[in-house]
N, C-alpha and C. Protein backbone atom coordinates (compact mmCIF):
# COMPACT_ATOMS: atom_id res chain seq x y z
N MET A 1 24.15 5.81 -11.43
CA MET A 1 22.80 6.18 -11.27
C MET A 1 21.83 5.52 -10.85
N ALA A 2 20.99 5.82 -10.09
CA ALA A 2 19.83 5.00 -9.41
C ALA A 2 18.40 5.61 -9.89
N PHE A 3 17.21 4.57 -10.02
CA PHE A 3 16.23 5.16 -10.62
C PHE A 3 15.14 4.16 -10.00
N THR A 4 13.91 4.46 -10.44
CA THR A 4 12.61 3.47 -9.80
C THR A 4 12.23 2.97 -11.04
N VAL A 5 11.72 1.69 -10.61
CA VAL A 5 11.32 0.72 -11.80
C VAL A 5 10.11 0.20 -11.44
N TYR A 6 9.08 0.62 -12.07
CA TYR A 6 7.62 -0.36 -11.70
C TYR A 6 7.57 -1.59 -12.30
N ILE A 7 7.06 -2.49 -11.39
CA ILE A 7 6.94 -3.94 -12.28
C ILE A 7 5.57 -4.35 -11.78
N PRO A 8 5.01 -4.55 -13.20
CA PRO A 8 3.33 -4.92 -13.20
C PRO A 8 2.84 -6.12 -12.22
N ALA A 9 2.05 -6.06 -12.08
CA ALA A 9 1.37 -7.41 -10.62
C ALA A 9 1.81 -8.64 -11.48
N PRO A 10 1.32 -9.10 -12.61
CA PRO A 10 1.78 -10.54 -13.06
C PRO A 10 3.21 -10.88 -13.29
N LEU A 11 4.18 -9.88 -12.90
CA LEU A 11 5.65 -10.27 -12.96
C LEU A 11 6.13 -10.24 -11.51
N ARG A 12 5.19 -9.66 -10.57
CA ARG A 12 5.70 -9.43 -9.36
C ARG A 12 6.57 -10.82 -8.44
N ARG A 13 5.85 -11.86 -9.10
CA ARG A 13 6.50 -13.10 -8.48
C ARG A 13 8.04 -13.17 -9.06
N LEU A 14 8.39 -12.72 -9.88
CA LEU A 14 9.80 -12.64 -9.92
C LEU A 14 10.76 -11.92 -9.42
N THR A 15 9.96 -10.95 -8.61
CA THR A 15 10.51 -9.78 -7.86
C THR A 15 10.58 -9.96 -6.33
N GLY A 16 10.07 -10.78 -6.10
CA GLY A 16 9.72 -10.94 -4.79
C GLY A 16 8.62 -10.40 -4.05
N GLY A 17 7.47 -10.29 -5.01
CA GLY A 17 6.39 -9.45 -4.64
C GLY A 17 6.73 -7.92 -4.73
N GLN A 18 7.68 -7.44 -5.14
CA GLN A 18 8.12 -6.17 -5.05
C GLN A 18 7.52 -5.23 -6.13
N ALA A 19 6.50 -4.33 -5.96
CA ALA A 19 6.03 -3.62 -7.11
C ALA A 19 7.07 -2.76 -7.82
N ARG A 20 7.87 -2.22 -7.02
CA ARG A 20 9.03 -1.12 -7.37
C ARG A 20 10.35 -1.58 -6.73
N VAL A 21 10.99 -1.38 -7.94
CA VAL A 21 12.71 -1.89 -7.46
C VAL A 21 13.47 -0.96 -7.88
N ASN A 22 14.74 -1.04 -7.32
CA ASN A 22 15.72 0.24 -7.75
C ASN A 22 16.29 -0.36 -8.90
N GLY A 23 16.58 0.70 -10.04
CA GLY A 23 17.03 0.39 -11.15
C GLY A 23 18.43 1.17 -11.78
N GLU A 24 19.37 0.38 -12.30
CA GLU A 24 20.48 1.09 -12.72
C GLU A 24 20.81 0.79 -14.24
N GLY A 25 21.51 1.65 -15.01
CA GLY A 25 21.84 1.65 -16.08
C GLY A 25 21.89 2.90 -16.99
N LYS A 26 22.64 2.68 -18.08
CA LYS A 26 22.51 4.01 -18.74
C LYS A 26 21.53 4.26 -19.87
N ASP A 27 20.62 2.93 -20.19
CA ASP A 27 19.54 2.99 -20.98
C ASP A 27 18.81 1.93 -20.82
N ILE A 28 17.56 1.63 -21.73
CA ILE A 28 16.69 0.57 -21.15
C ILE A 28 17.34 -0.76 -21.71
N ALA A 29 18.02 -0.64 -22.48
CA ALA A 29 18.70 -2.24 -22.90
C ALA A 29 19.66 -2.63 -21.43
N GLU A 30 20.34 -1.68 -20.99
CA GLU A 30 21.16 -2.16 -19.98
C GLU A 30 20.36 -2.37 -18.70
N LEU A 31 19.34 -1.67 -18.56
CA LEU A 31 18.41 -1.73 -17.48
C LEU A 31 17.88 -3.21 -17.48
N LEU A 32 17.58 -3.50 -18.31
CA LEU A 32 17.01 -5.12 -18.77
C LEU A 32 17.73 -5.81 -18.46
N GLU A 33 19.21 -5.59 -18.75
CA GLU A 33 20.18 -6.75 -18.36
C GLU A 33 20.40 -6.86 -16.77
N ILE A 34 20.76 -5.60 -16.31
CA ILE A 34 20.89 -5.49 -14.93
C ILE A 34 19.61 -6.18 -13.88
N LEU A 35 18.47 -5.73 -14.49
CA LEU A 35 17.35 -6.20 -13.89
C LEU A 35 17.24 -8.06 -13.99
N GLU A 36 17.75 -8.46 -15.13
CA GLU A 36 17.54 -9.95 -14.92
C GLU A 36 18.82 -10.69 -14.19
N ALA A 37 19.96 -9.98 -14.13
CA ALA A 37 20.90 -10.33 -13.02
C ALA A 37 20.47 -10.47 -11.51
N SER A 38 19.42 -9.47 -11.22
CA SER A 38 18.76 -9.57 -10.14
C SER A 38 17.48 -10.18 -9.88
N PHE A 39 16.86 -10.21 -11.08
CA PHE A 39 15.69 -11.11 -11.05
C PHE A 39 15.36 -12.06 -12.33
N PRO A 40 16.13 -13.59 -12.01
CA PRO A 40 16.15 -14.10 -13.25
C PRO A 40 14.94 -14.75 -13.77
N GLY A 41 14.54 -14.51 -15.22
CA GLY A 41 13.27 -14.91 -15.88
C GLY A 41 12.66 -13.30 -16.24
N LEU A 42 13.11 -12.28 -15.51
CA LEU A 42 12.21 -11.03 -15.73
C LEU A 42 12.55 -10.52 -17.28
N LYS A 43 13.85 -10.52 -17.59
CA LYS A 43 14.16 -10.15 -19.21
C LYS A 43 13.27 -11.01 -20.08
N GLU A 44 13.17 -12.55 -19.71
CA GLU A 44 12.26 -13.08 -20.73
C GLU A 44 11.17 -12.91 -20.82
N GLN A 45 10.36 -12.66 -19.83
CA GLN A 45 8.95 -12.10 -19.84
C GLN A 45 8.77 -10.62 -20.59
N LEU A 46 9.93 -9.99 -20.43
CA LEU A 46 9.67 -8.73 -20.90
C LEU A 46 10.19 -8.47 -22.57
N CYS A 47 11.23 -9.40 -22.88
CA CYS A 47 11.75 -9.06 -24.27
C CYS A 47 11.40 -10.15 -25.33
N GLU A 48 11.74 -10.13 -26.22
CA GLU A 48 11.62 -11.11 -27.43
C GLU A 48 12.94 -12.24 -27.21
N GLY A 49 13.19 -12.94 -28.05
CA GLY A 49 14.43 -13.64 -27.93
C GLY A 49 15.94 -12.70 -28.47
N ASN A 50 15.33 -11.88 -29.51
CA ASN A 50 16.54 -10.71 -29.67
C ASN A 50 16.74 -9.74 -29.12
N GLY A 51 16.21 -9.83 -27.67
CA GLY A 51 16.36 -8.68 -26.67
C GLY A 51 15.50 -7.40 -26.75
N ARG A 52 14.78 -7.31 -27.83
CA ARG A 52 13.85 -6.20 -27.92
C ARG A 52 12.55 -6.48 -27.25
N VAL A 53 12.12 -5.09 -26.55
CA VAL A 53 11.02 -5.53 -25.75
C VAL A 53 9.76 -6.09 -26.38
N ARG A 54 9.09 -6.83 -25.63
CA ARG A 54 7.89 -7.23 -26.65
C ARG A 54 6.93 -6.41 -26.93
N HIS A 55 5.95 -6.65 -28.13
CA HIS A 55 5.34 -5.22 -28.77
C HIS A 55 4.04 -5.09 -27.78
N HIS A 56 3.58 -6.17 -26.99
CA HIS A 56 2.52 -5.93 -25.96
C HIS A 56 3.02 -5.16 -24.67
N ILE A 57 4.56 -4.87 -24.45
CA ILE A 57 4.75 -4.12 -23.31
C ILE A 57 5.21 -3.03 -23.47
N ASN A 58 4.44 -2.11 -23.00
CA ASN A 58 4.81 -0.31 -22.96
C ASN A 58 5.85 -0.05 -21.69
N VAL A 59 6.83 0.60 -22.29
CA VAL A 59 7.84 1.05 -21.12
C VAL A 59 7.76 2.78 -21.17
N TYR A 60 7.50 2.99 -20.35
CA TYR A 60 7.21 4.31 -19.86
C TYR A 60 8.41 4.96 -19.06
N ILE A 61 8.85 5.87 -19.41
CA ILE A 61 10.21 6.83 -18.78
C ILE A 61 9.62 7.93 -18.35
N ASN A 62 9.35 8.47 -17.14
CA ASN A 62 8.75 9.73 -16.72
C ASN A 62 7.67 9.79 -17.37
N GLY A 63 6.69 8.81 -17.82
CA GLY A 63 5.42 9.03 -18.46
C GLY A 63 5.42 8.98 -19.91
N GLN A 64 6.57 9.13 -20.54
CA GLN A 64 6.86 8.86 -21.88
C GLN A 64 7.08 7.69 -22.58
N GLU A 65 6.37 7.25 -23.58
CA GLU A 65 6.55 5.74 -23.90
C GLU A 65 7.82 5.84 -24.88
N MET A 66 8.66 4.58 -24.37
CA MET A 66 9.97 4.61 -24.87
C MET A 66 10.36 4.49 -26.23
N ARG A 67 9.12 3.85 -27.14
CA ARG A 67 9.14 3.90 -28.64
C ARG A 67 8.74 5.21 -29.45
N THR A 68 8.33 6.19 -28.53
CA THR A 68 8.22 7.75 -29.42
C THR A 68 9.40 8.23 -28.74
N LEU A 69 10.36 7.87 -28.02
CA LEU A 69 11.61 8.38 -27.74
C LEU A 69 12.74 7.65 -28.54
N GLN A 70 13.85 6.87 -27.84
CA GLN A 70 14.81 6.05 -28.56
C GLN A 70 14.81 4.65 -28.53
N GLY A 71 13.55 4.07 -28.23
CA GLY A 71 13.59 2.83 -28.19
C GLY A 71 14.35 2.33 -26.89
N GLU A 72 14.82 1.12 -26.91
CA GLU A 72 15.65 0.44 -25.87
C GLU A 72 16.93 1.41 -25.67
N ALA A 73 17.32 2.26 -26.70
CA ALA A 73 18.48 2.95 -26.65
C ALA A 73 18.27 4.18 -25.74
N THR A 74 16.87 4.32 -25.18
CA THR A 74 16.63 5.84 -24.74
C THR A 74 17.38 5.80 -23.49
N PRO A 75 18.23 6.78 -23.20
CA PRO A 75 19.29 7.11 -22.12
C PRO A 75 18.16 7.15 -20.85
N LEU A 76 18.77 6.72 -19.56
CA LEU A 76 18.27 6.99 -18.06
C LEU A 76 18.92 8.04 -17.43
N HIS A 77 18.45 8.62 -16.62
CA HIS A 77 19.04 9.59 -15.68
C HIS A 77 18.75 9.33 -14.31
N GLU A 78 19.67 10.02 -13.36
CA GLU A 78 19.29 9.88 -11.68
C GLU A 78 17.77 10.34 -11.77
N GLY A 79 16.95 9.36 -10.64
CA GLY A 79 15.61 9.85 -10.45
C GLY A 79 14.72 9.75 -11.54
N ASP A 80 14.99 9.19 -12.78
CA ASP A 80 13.75 8.79 -13.58
C ASP A 80 12.82 7.65 -13.02
N GLU A 81 11.78 7.61 -13.37
CA GLU A 81 10.79 6.56 -13.20
C GLU A 81 10.56 5.67 -14.43
N VAL A 82 10.66 4.43 -14.18
CA VAL A 82 10.41 3.77 -15.45
C VAL A 82 9.57 2.80 -15.24
N ALA A 83 8.49 2.69 -16.07
CA ALA A 83 7.29 1.69 -15.84
C ALA A 83 7.36 0.42 -17.00
N PHE A 84 6.91 -0.62 -16.61
CA PHE A 84 6.92 -1.48 -17.50
C PHE A 84 5.33 -2.01 -17.42
N ILE A 85 4.62 -1.68 -18.49
CA ILE A 85 3.07 -1.80 -18.58
C ILE A 85 2.62 -2.87 -19.29
N PRO A 86 1.85 -4.17 -19.30
CA PRO A 86 1.53 -4.83 -20.20
C PRO A 86 0.20 -3.92 -21.11
N ALA A 87 0.00 -4.37 -22.30
CA ALA A 87 -0.86 -3.68 -23.11
C ALA A 87 -2.06 -4.77 -22.50
N MET A 88 -3.46 -4.19 -22.47
CA MET A 88 -4.49 -5.10 -22.17
C MET A 88 -5.47 -5.05 -23.55
N ALA A 89 -5.94 -6.23 -23.80
CA ALA A 89 -7.10 -6.45 -24.68
C ALA A 89 -8.45 -6.63 -24.06
N GLY A 90 -9.12 -5.97 -24.87
CA GLY A 90 -10.62 -6.18 -24.55
C GLY A 90 -11.46 -4.89 -24.74
N GLY A 91 -12.53 -4.63 -23.92
CA GLY A 91 -13.45 -3.45 -24.50
C GLY A 91 -14.59 -3.77 -23.99
N ALA A 92 -15.50 -2.86 -24.28
CA ALA A 92 -16.81 -3.09 -23.74
C ALA A 92 -17.77 -4.01 -24.52
N ILE A 93 -18.70 -4.62 -24.11
CA ILE A 93 -19.48 -5.21 -25.01
C ILE A 93 -20.72 -4.17 -25.52
N ARG A 94 -21.04 -4.31 -26.62
CA ARG A 94 -21.96 -3.34 -27.22
C ARG A 94 -23.39 -4.16 -27.25
N GLN A 95 -24.13 -3.49 -26.54
CA GLN A 95 -25.76 -3.83 -26.18
C GLN A 95 -26.74 -3.02 -27.64
N THR A 96 -27.42 -4.06 -28.06
CA THR A 96 -28.07 -3.27 -29.35
C THR A 96 -29.72 -3.65 -28.96
């Protein structure tokens, strides 16, 4: 089964500049392995040494965050859209 994977701008150097790549796999864990085979170094940027997605990386499947689903075991289906989105820190400066 095939689906679309969104790659954030800071990691596109690993995908030859592509913002979207085709993905395959039965779940997020398998997707990460397949992406690593095609784009070496990508999994290292997205995951901790134990293979779990880094805490500051949000993974959305069709707009739903994977941690609210089944985590890395979240099943993927034909036509799904997966997005890896780094969390951003910061905010507004309060003027007094």
